[in-house]
Amino acid sequence: MGISMVSPLLPVFAEDLGATGVWIGLTFSIFAVTQTLVSPFVGGWSDRHGRKPFIIGGLLLYFVAALGYLTADTFAQVLAFRALSGCGTSLIFSVARAYVGDFVPPGHEGRWFGIFATADIVGFGLGPLLAGGIREWLGFDAVFVAMAVLMASSALIVWTLLPRQAVAERYTGDTTGSAGLASLRALRVPLVAALTLNMGLISLSFGSTFSFLAVRLEDLGIGPFIIGLAFSMESLASGASQPFFGRLADLRDRRRLVAIGLGVTSVMLFSLGLVESIGLVMALMFGMGLGGGLALVASSALQVEAGRSVGMGTVNGLGSAGNGVGVVFGSVTGGLIVDAFSAPAAFFFAGVAMASGIPLFLWLTRTRPPAAPAEATPVVEREVAG
């Protein structure tokens, strides 16, 4: 909630400070740039030194950024604190997912990450709604104060309640050289490369369209509240479906589930450029949430499988870097396409781009055998060091 509540407001805040055009766009892309640069190193470091300090560090970076927005009186300062937030994201999400992956018993990856992703998605969906209410009643500064309070509270919870070491055993990945180089060498593993590609494709497609979805809907005469509801529809569908899809990912071939989810999402994205009815837009956003939810939980389970051999943090760090590259490339490319053609063209590009990556994903994972059903695998109790 704390991370997502401020993101939609920053372009407006930057505009109030005098930013225009491409500089406003930088409030979104600079976040992804620092995330891309930092994530591979953080993932490898957490494999070697433990997860907890990095998660707390990321939350505190967000806390500092929130206080920084309160004091910012120039656009350059907003940009700097937004870049700092990108570093915080790298420390929080890839490492937290690796922490969960350390615990997951073989055969139960899908259902565990289905529950974890539900909290993640619901929080991201509620954040902008909370921020809108706070801004309307109390102003911009109150939003940043609320963000700081949420981040400080989260850091306190992790510090006091989370065990320092997730599991006693060490991973068997590459410990030679720097953590960043070790992470890049992990891309030689086809499954790791495929999962990184998958994250890049999803974020590229969303980055090239979500920036223009509101513009597209306003052109159709749709009001602000309904536009917000359309965005929420995707998050609600994805979050509600995670537990069910998580169990499905433990029983079926995960690589095929990823391909199906990407295929459904690509069709929904392409169709958004064609429809002009708000009812159809809502249906497509709901379908996109289902497709994205299926691809997310199945790929998360595959990340755990890969992480057991090359390092949980390494795999998730590379996925986070892929996400950052996709966001930057997608938002820039989407903007160029919209300028050259029209807003619907960005949705056509996104749908085709996502669909074109499915054959490559399946080819890279072609030698991976289907996972054993969860019921055939006993749950293993793991001792946790306090």
Protein backbone atom coordinates (compact mmCIF):
# COMPACT_ATOMS: atom_id res chain seq x y z
CA MET A 1 0.00 0.00 0.00
CA GLY A 2 2.74 2.43 0.94
CA ILE A 3 4.60 1.96 -2.33
CA SER A 4 1.61 2.17 -4.66
CA MET A 5 -0.25 5.01 -2.95
CA VAL A 6 2.24 7.66 -4.05
CA SER A 7 3.06 6.48 -7.58
CA PRO A 8 -0.06 7.84 -9.37
CA LEU A 9 0.29 11.21 -7.64
CA LEU A 10 3.94 11.93 -8.41
CA PRO A 11 3.42 13.09 -12.02
CA VAL A 12 0.84 15.63 -10.79
CA PHE A 13 3.16 16.68 -7.95
CA ALA A 14 6.04 17.09 -10.40
CA GLU A 15 3.87 19.14 -12.74
CA ASP A 16 3.00 21.47 -9.87
CA LEU A 17 6.75 21.99 -9.41
CA GLY A 18 7.16 23.01 -13.06
CA ALA A 19 8.00 19.73 -14.81
CA THR A 20 6.60 19.17 -18.30
CA GLY A 21 6.59 16.53 -21.03
CA VAL A 22 9.40 14.02 -20.90
CA TRP A 23 10.46 15.18 -17.45
CA ILE A 24 7.13 14.09 -16.04
CA GLY A 25 7.66 10.72 -17.72
CA LEU A 26 10.97 10.44 -15.90
CA THR A 27 9.13 10.27 -12.57
CA PHE A 28 8.01 6.84 -13.72
CA SER A 29 11.01 5.55 -15.68
CA ILE A 30 13.82 6.65 -13.32
CA PHE A 31 12.31 4.31 -10.74
CA ALA A 32 12.70 1.37 -13.13
CA VAL A 33 16.23 2.38 -14.15
CA THR A 34 17.63 2.20 -10.61
CA GLN A 35 15.64 -0.97 -9.99
CA THR A 36 17.30 -2.58 -13.03
CA LEU A 37 20.80 -1.56 -12.00
CA VAL A 38 20.55 -2.59 -8.36
CA SER A 39 18.43 -5.77 -8.41
CA PRO A 40 21.00 -8.29 -9.73
CA PHE A 41 23.52 -7.27 -7.06
CA VAL A 42 20.99 -7.28 -4.22
CA GLY A 43 19.72 -10.74 -5.15
CA GLY A 44 23.20 -12.22 -5.10
CA TRP A 45 24.15 -10.46 -1.88
CA SER A 46 21.06 -11.75 -0.10
CA ASP A 47 21.99 -15.31 -1.13
CA ARG A 48 25.34 -14.85 0.58
CA HIS A 49 24.48 -12.70 3.59
CA GLY A 50 20.82 -13.40 4.41
CA ARG A 51 17.53 -11.74 3.56
CA LYS A 52 16.32 -9.76 6.56
CA PRO A 53 18.80 -6.83 6.54
CA PHE A 54 18.06 -6.09 2.88
CA ILE A 55 14.28 -6.07 3.37
CA ILE A 56 14.59 -3.66 6.31
CA GLY A 57 17.03 -1.52 4.34
CA GLY A 58 14.63 -1.25 1.41
CA LEU A 59 11.77 -0.18 3.67
CA LEU A 60 13.95 2.47 5.28
CA LEU A 61 14.98 3.81 1.85
CA TYR A 62 11.29 4.27 1.06
CA PHE A 63 10.82 5.96 4.44
CA VAL A 64 13.60 8.43 3.60
CA ALA A 65 12.12 9.03 0.13
CA ALA A 66 8.70 9.77 1.63
CA LEU A 67 10.19 12.37 3.97
CA GLY A 68 12.19 13.72 1.02
CA TYR A 69 9.04 14.37 -1.01
CA LEU A 70 7.75 16.42 1.92
CA THR A 71 10.75 18.77 1.71
CA ALA A 72 11.16 18.83 -2.09
CA ASP A 73 10.67 22.20 -3.74
CA THR A 74 12.18 21.40 -7.16
CA PHE A 75 11.49 18.71 -9.72
CA ALA A 76 15.12 17.53 -9.56
CA GLN A 77 14.65 16.65 -5.89
CA VAL A 78 11.48 14.68 -6.68
CA LEU A 79 13.42 12.77 -9.34
CA ALA A 80 16.23 11.98 -6.90
CA PHE A 81 13.88 10.60 -4.26
CA ARG A 82 12.00 8.62 -6.91
CA ALA A 83 15.31 7.03 -7.94
CA LEU A 84 15.97 6.21 -4.29
CA SER A 85 12.57 4.50 -4.17
CA GLY A 86 13.63 2.29 -7.07
CA CYS A 87 16.60 1.12 -5.02
CA GLY A 88 14.22 0.39 -2.15
CA THR A 89 12.01 -1.71 -4.41
CA SER A 90 15.02 -3.80 -5.44
CA LEU A 91 15.80 -4.54 -1.81
CA ILE A 92 12.23 -5.31 -0.76
CA PHE A 93 10.47 -7.36 -3.41
CA SER A 94 13.07 -9.66 -4.93
CA VAL A 95 14.54 -10.44 -1.49
CA ALA A 96 11.12 -10.97 0.15
CA ARG A 97 10.14 -13.39 -2.62
CA ALA A 98 13.45 -15.20 -2.15
CA TYR A 99 12.76 -15.43 1.59
CA VAL A 100 9.41 -17.11 0.93
CA GLY A 101 11.08 -19.37 -1.62
CA ASP A 102 13.55 -20.54 1.03
CA PHE A 103 10.67 -21.98 3.06
CA VAL A 104 8.50 -23.55 0.36
CA PRO A 105 8.37 -27.37 0.44
CA PRO A 106 8.83 -29.00 -2.99
CA GLY A 107 5.52 -29.43 -4.75
CA HIS A 108 3.80 -26.59 -2.85
CA GLU A 109 5.39 -23.59 -4.59
CA GLY A 110 2.22 -22.50 -6.36
CA ARG A 111 -0.12 -22.36 -3.39
CA TRP A 112 2.42 -20.60 -1.16
CA PHE A 113 3.12 -17.91 -3.71
CA GLY A 114 -0.57 -17.68 -4.52
CA ILE A 115 -1.21 -16.53 -0.94
CA PHE A 116 1.84 -14.25 -0.90
CA ALA A 117 0.88 -12.62 -4.22
CA THR A 118 -2.67 -12.00 -3.00
CA ALA A 119 -1.40 -9.73 -0.21
CA ASP A 120 0.95 -8.04 -2.69
CA ILE A 121 -1.73 -7.38 -5.32
CA VAL A 122 -4.44 -6.32 -2.86
CA GLY A 123 -2.04 -3.86 -1.24
CA PHE A 124 -1.11 -2.36 -4.61
CA GLY A 125 -4.76 -2.08 -5.52
CA LEU A 126 -5.78 -0.35 -2.28
CA GLY A 127 -2.85 2.08 -2.18
CA PRO A 128 -4.04 4.50 -4.90
CA LEU A 129 -7.58 4.53 -3.46
CA LEU A 130 -6.20 5.42 -0.02
CA ALA A 131 -3.96 8.09 -1.51
CA GLY A 132 -6.83 9.66 -3.45
CA GLY A 133 -8.93 10.02 -0.33
CA ILE A 134 -6.08 11.44 1.75
CA ARG A 135 -5.11 13.92 -0.96
CA GLU A 136 -8.70 15.13 -1.42
CA TRP A 137 -9.25 15.73 2.29
CA LEU A 138 -5.79 16.61 3.60
CA GLY A 139 -3.55 17.46 0.62
CA PHE A 140 -0.33 16.16 -0.94
CA ASP A 141 1.80 16.42 2.19
CA ALA A 142 -0.52 14.11 4.10
CA VAL A 143 -0.06 11.41 1.43
CA PHE A 144 3.70 11.48 1.92
CA VAL A 145 3.29 11.38 5.70
CA ALA A 146 1.03 8.34 5.38
CA MET A 147 3.58 6.66 3.11
CA ALA A 148 6.34 7.30 5.67
CA VAL A 149 4.21 5.89 8.50
CA LEU A 150 3.41 2.72 6.54
CA MET A 151 7.07 2.17 5.65
CA ALA A 152 8.29 2.76 9.20
CA SER A 153 5.63 0.38 10.53
CA SER A 154 6.61 -2.29 8.03
CA ALA A 155 10.29 -1.97 8.92
CA LEU A 156 9.43 -2.35 12.62
CA ILE A 157 7.31 -5.44 11.94
CA VAL A 158 10.06 -7.11 9.90
CA TRP A 159 12.73 -6.21 12.46
CA THR A 160 10.80 -7.59 15.43
CA LEU A 161 8.88 -10.56 13.97
CA LEU A 162 10.82 -11.93 10.99
CA PRO A 163 13.50 -14.57 11.77
CA ARG A 164 16.89 -13.42 10.62
CA GLN A 165 17.71 -16.60 8.71
CA ALA A 166 15.02 -18.23 6.62
CA VAL A 167 16.53 -21.72 6.46
CA ALA A 168 19.64 -23.35 7.79
CA GLU A 169 20.88 -24.86 4.53
CA ARG A 170 22.90 -22.87 2.03
CA TYR A 171 22.21 -22.74 -1.66
CA THR A 172 24.54 -24.39 -4.16
CA GLY A 173 24.84 -21.55 -6.65
CA ASP A 174 27.85 -19.62 -7.93
CA THR A 175 29.78 -17.94 -5.11
CA THR A 176 32.79 -16.88 -7.20
CA GLY A 177 33.44 -13.25 -8.06
CA SER A 178 31.04 -10.40 -7.42
CA ALA A 179 27.38 -10.98 -6.72
CA GLY A 180 26.41 -9.05 -9.86
CA LEU A 181 28.60 -11.17 -12.14
CA ALA A 182 27.37 -14.35 -10.48
CA SER A 183 23.79 -13.26 -11.15
CA LEU A 184 24.53 -12.56 -14.80
CA ARG A 185 26.19 -15.96 -15.17
CA ALA A 186 22.97 -17.52 -13.91
CA LEU A 187 21.35 -16.38 -17.16
CA ARG A 188 23.18 -19.24 -18.85
CA VAL A 189 20.62 -21.54 -17.19
CA PRO A 190 17.74 -21.72 -19.74
CA LEU A 191 15.00 -21.69 -17.08
CA VAL A 192 16.47 -18.57 -15.44
CA ALA A 193 16.77 -16.84 -18.82
CA ALA A 194 13.17 -17.78 -19.67
CA LEU A 195 11.82 -16.43 -16.37
CA THR A 196 13.75 -13.17 -16.77
CA LEU A 197 12.37 -12.85 -20.30
CA ASN A 198 8.87 -13.50 -18.95
CA MET A 199 9.12 -10.66 -16.42
CA GLY A 200 10.46 -8.35 -19.11
CA LEU A 201 7.62 -9.17 -21.51
CA ILE A 202 4.90 -8.59 -18.92
CA SER A 203 6.32 -5.28 -17.73
CA LEU A 204 7.04 -4.13 -21.30
CA SER A 205 3.45 -4.74 -22.33
CA PHE A 206 1.98 -3.09 -19.22
CA GLY A 207 4.47 -0.23 -19.32
CA SER A 208 3.55 0.58 -22.91
CA THR A 209 -0.19 0.59 -22.23
CA PHE A 210 -1.09 1.48 -18.65
CA SER A 211 0.39 4.96 -19.05
CA PHE A 212 -2.08 5.55 -21.88
CA LEU A 213 -5.11 3.61 -20.68
CA ALA A 214 -6.56 6.61 -18.84
CA VAL A 215 -6.02 8.77 -21.94
CA ARG A 216 -7.73 6.15 -24.08
CA LEU A 217 -10.73 5.97 -21.73
CA GLU A 218 -11.03 9.74 -21.42
CA ASP A 219 -11.11 9.96 -25.22
CA LEU A 220 -14.14 7.65 -25.04
CA GLY A 221 -15.87 10.08 -22.65
CA ILE A 222 -15.46 7.97 -19.50
CA GLY A 223 -15.27 9.79 -16.14
CA PRO A 224 -12.46 9.63 -13.54
CA PHE A 225 -14.24 7.34 -11.08
CA ILE A 226 -15.04 4.72 -13.74
CA ILE A 227 -11.46 4.94 -15.03
CA GLY A 228 -10.19 4.19 -11.53
CA LEU A 229 -12.62 1.31 -11.28
CA ALA A 230 -11.30 -0.09 -14.58
CA PHE A 231 -7.76 -0.10 -13.21
CA SER A 232 -8.93 -1.74 -9.99
CA MET A 233 -10.75 -4.46 -11.94
CA GLU A 234 -7.46 -5.91 -13.16
CA SER A 235 -5.93 -5.98 -9.68
CA LEU A 236 -9.04 -7.44 -8.06
CA ALA A 237 -9.29 -10.26 -10.60
CA SER A 238 -5.60 -11.08 -10.29
CA GLY A 239 -5.60 -11.00 -6.50
CA ALA A 240 -8.78 -13.05 -6.07
CA SER A 241 -7.58 -15.74 -8.48
CA GLN A 242 -4.13 -16.25 -6.94
CA PRO A 243 -5.01 -18.95 -4.36
CA PHE A 244 -6.91 -21.03 -6.94
CA PHE A 245 -4.23 -20.65 -9.61
CA GLY A 246 -1.58 -21.41 -7.01
CA ARG A 247 -3.06 -24.85 -6.35
CA LEU A 248 -3.44 -25.39 -10.09
CA ALA A 249 0.26 -24.60 -10.58
CA ASP A 250 1.12 -27.40 -8.12
CA LEU A 251 -0.89 -29.93 -10.13
CA ARG A 252 -0.20 -29.03 -13.78
CA ASP A 253 2.75 -28.26 -16.04
CA ARG A 254 3.79 -24.77 -14.93
CA ARG A 255 5.47 -23.77 -18.18
CA ARG A 256 2.23 -24.37 -20.07
CA LEU A 257 0.28 -22.39 -17.49
CA VAL A 258 2.66 -19.47 -17.97
CA ALA A 259 2.17 -19.67 -21.73
CA ILE A 260 -1.63 -19.79 -21.37
CA GLY A 261 -1.62 -16.80 -19.00
CA LEU A 262 0.58 -14.77 -21.34
CA GLY A 263 -1.61 -15.71 -24.30
CA VAL A 264 -4.82 -14.63 -22.56
CA THR A 265 -3.24 -11.37 -21.44
CA SER A 266 -1.93 -10.59 -24.92
CA VAL A 267 -5.41 -11.03 -26.43
CA MET A 268 -6.94 -8.76 -23.77
CA LEU A 269 -4.30 -6.08 -24.36
CA PHE A 270 -4.74 -6.13 -28.14
CA SER A 271 -8.53 -5.97 -27.78
CA LEU A 272 -8.33 -2.87 -25.55
CA GLY A 273 -7.24 -0.96 -28.63
CA LEU A 274 -10.39 -1.99 -30.48
CA VAL A 275 -13.33 -1.67 -28.06
CA GLU A 276 -15.20 1.55 -27.30
CA SER A 277 -17.68 0.34 -24.68
CA ILE A 278 -16.91 0.74 -20.99
CA GLY A 279 -18.59 -2.60 -20.32
CA LEU A 280 -16.21 -4.34 -22.71
CA VAL A 281 -13.26 -2.46 -21.22
CA MET A 282 -14.20 -3.73 -17.76
CA ALA A 283 -14.52 -7.29 -19.08
CA LEU A 284 -11.14 -7.08 -20.80
CA MET A 285 -9.46 -5.69 -17.68
CA PHE A 286 -10.97 -8.52 -15.66
CA GLY A 287 -9.70 -11.07 -18.20
CA MET A 288 -6.29 -9.43 -18.15
CA GLY A 289 -6.19 -9.84 -14.39
CA LEU A 290 -6.98 -13.54 -14.69
CA GLY A 291 -4.39 -14.11 -17.39
CA GLY A 292 -1.73 -12.13 -15.58
CA GLY A 293 -2.54 -13.88 -12.30
CA LEU A 294 -2.09 -17.31 -13.87
CA ALA A 295 1.22 -16.37 -15.50
CA LEU A 296 2.47 -14.73 -12.28
CA VAL A 297 1.82 -17.59 -9.88
CA ALA A 298 3.10 -20.27 -12.28
CA SER A 299 6.29 -18.31 -13.02
CA SER A 300 6.79 -17.67 -9.28
CA ALA A 301 6.69 -21.42 -8.67
CA LEU A 302 9.24 -21.92 -11.46
CA GLN A 303 11.46 -19.26 -9.89
CA VAL A 304 11.59 -21.31 -6.70
CA GLU A 305 12.61 -24.38 -8.70
CA ALA A 306 15.42 -22.45 -10.37
CA GLY A 307 16.39 -20.72 -7.13
CA ARG A 308 17.13 -24.00 -5.38
CA SER A 309 20.11 -24.51 -7.70
CA VAL A 310 21.38 -21.00 -8.50
CA GLY A 311 20.10 -19.01 -5.49
CA MET A 312 16.65 -17.66 -4.64
CA GLY A 313 17.87 -14.08 -4.44
CA THR A 314 19.79 -14.39 -7.71
CA VAL A 315 16.74 -15.60 -9.66
CA ASN A 316 14.38 -13.03 -8.14
CA GLY A 317 16.91 -10.25 -8.56
CA LEU A 318 17.25 -11.02 -12.26
CA GLY A 319 13.45 -11.09 -12.54
CA SER A 320 13.27 -7.67 -10.93
CA ALA A 321 15.91 -6.37 -13.34
CA GLY A 322 13.93 -7.81 -16.26
CA ASN A 323 10.87 -6.01 -14.93
CA GLY A 324 12.77 -2.72 -14.82
CA VAL A 325 14.11 -3.08 -18.37
CA GLY A 326 10.63 -3.91 -19.62
CA VAL A 327 9.04 -0.90 -17.92
CA VAL A 328 11.61 1.53 -19.35
CA PHE A 329 11.58 0.08 -22.86
CA GLY A 330 7.82 -0.34 -22.88
CA SER A 331 7.00 3.17 -21.67
CA VAL A 332 9.42 4.81 -24.12
CA THR A 333 8.31 2.66 -27.06
CA GLY A 334 4.65 3.13 -26.17
CA GLY A 335 5.10 6.88 -26.10
CA LEU A 336 6.78 6.91 -29.50
CA ILE A 337 4.02 4.74 -30.98
CA VAL A 338 1.28 6.96 -29.56
CA ASP A 339 3.01 10.08 -30.93
CA ALA A 340 3.40 8.48 -34.36
CA PHE A 341 -0.06 6.90 -34.58
CA SER A 342 -2.63 7.00 -31.77
CA ALA A 343 -3.34 5.66 -28.29
CA PRO A 344 -4.93 2.38 -29.53
CA ALA A 345 -1.69 1.54 -31.40
CA ALA A 346 0.13 1.13 -28.08
CA PHE A 347 -2.27 -1.65 -27.11
CA PHE A 348 -1.76 -3.42 -30.44
CA PHE A 349 2.00 -3.26 -29.94
CA ALA A 350 1.74 -4.58 -26.37
CA GLY A 351 -0.44 -7.53 -27.35
CA VAL A 352 1.81 -8.56 -30.24
CA ALA A 353 5.00 -8.12 -28.18
CA MET A 354 3.72 -10.36 -25.39
CA ALA A 355 2.41 -13.03 -27.77
CA SER A 356 5.69 -13.10 -29.71
CA GLY A 357 7.64 -14.02 -26.58
CA ILE A 358 5.59 -17.12 -25.78
CA PRO A 359 7.31 -19.44 -28.32
CA LEU A 360 10.74 -18.35 -27.05
CA PHE A 361 9.71 -18.99 -23.44
CA LEU A 362 8.47 -22.48 -24.30
CA TRP A 363 11.62 -23.24 -26.29
CA LEU A 364 13.93 -22.17 -23.45
CA THR A 365 12.03 -24.34 -20.97
CA ARG A 366 11.52 -27.31 -23.31
CA THR A 367 13.86 -29.66 -21.39
CA ARG A 368 12.30 -29.01 -17.99
CA PRO A 369 10.13 -31.94 -16.81
CA PRO A 370 6.64 -31.17 -15.37
CA ALA A 371 6.59 -30.69 -11.59
CA ALA A 372 5.31 -33.54 -9.44
CA PRO A 373 1.79 -33.09 -8.03
CA ALA A 374 1.79 -31.54 -4.57
CA GLU A 375 -0.17 -34.43 -3.06
CA ALA A 376 2.67 -36.79 -3.99
CA THR A 377 5.24 -34.70 -2.14
CA PRO A 378 5.36 -34.65 1.67
CA VAL A 379 5.52 -31.30 3.41
CA VAL A 380 8.98 -30.88 4.89
CA GLU A 381 9.28 -29.05 8.20
CA ARG A 382 12.29 -26.73 8.23
CA GLU A 383 13.94 -25.42 11.35
CA VAL A 384 14.10 -21.65 11.54
CA ALA A 385 16.87 -19.88 13.37
CA GLY A 386 15.56 -17.04 15.53
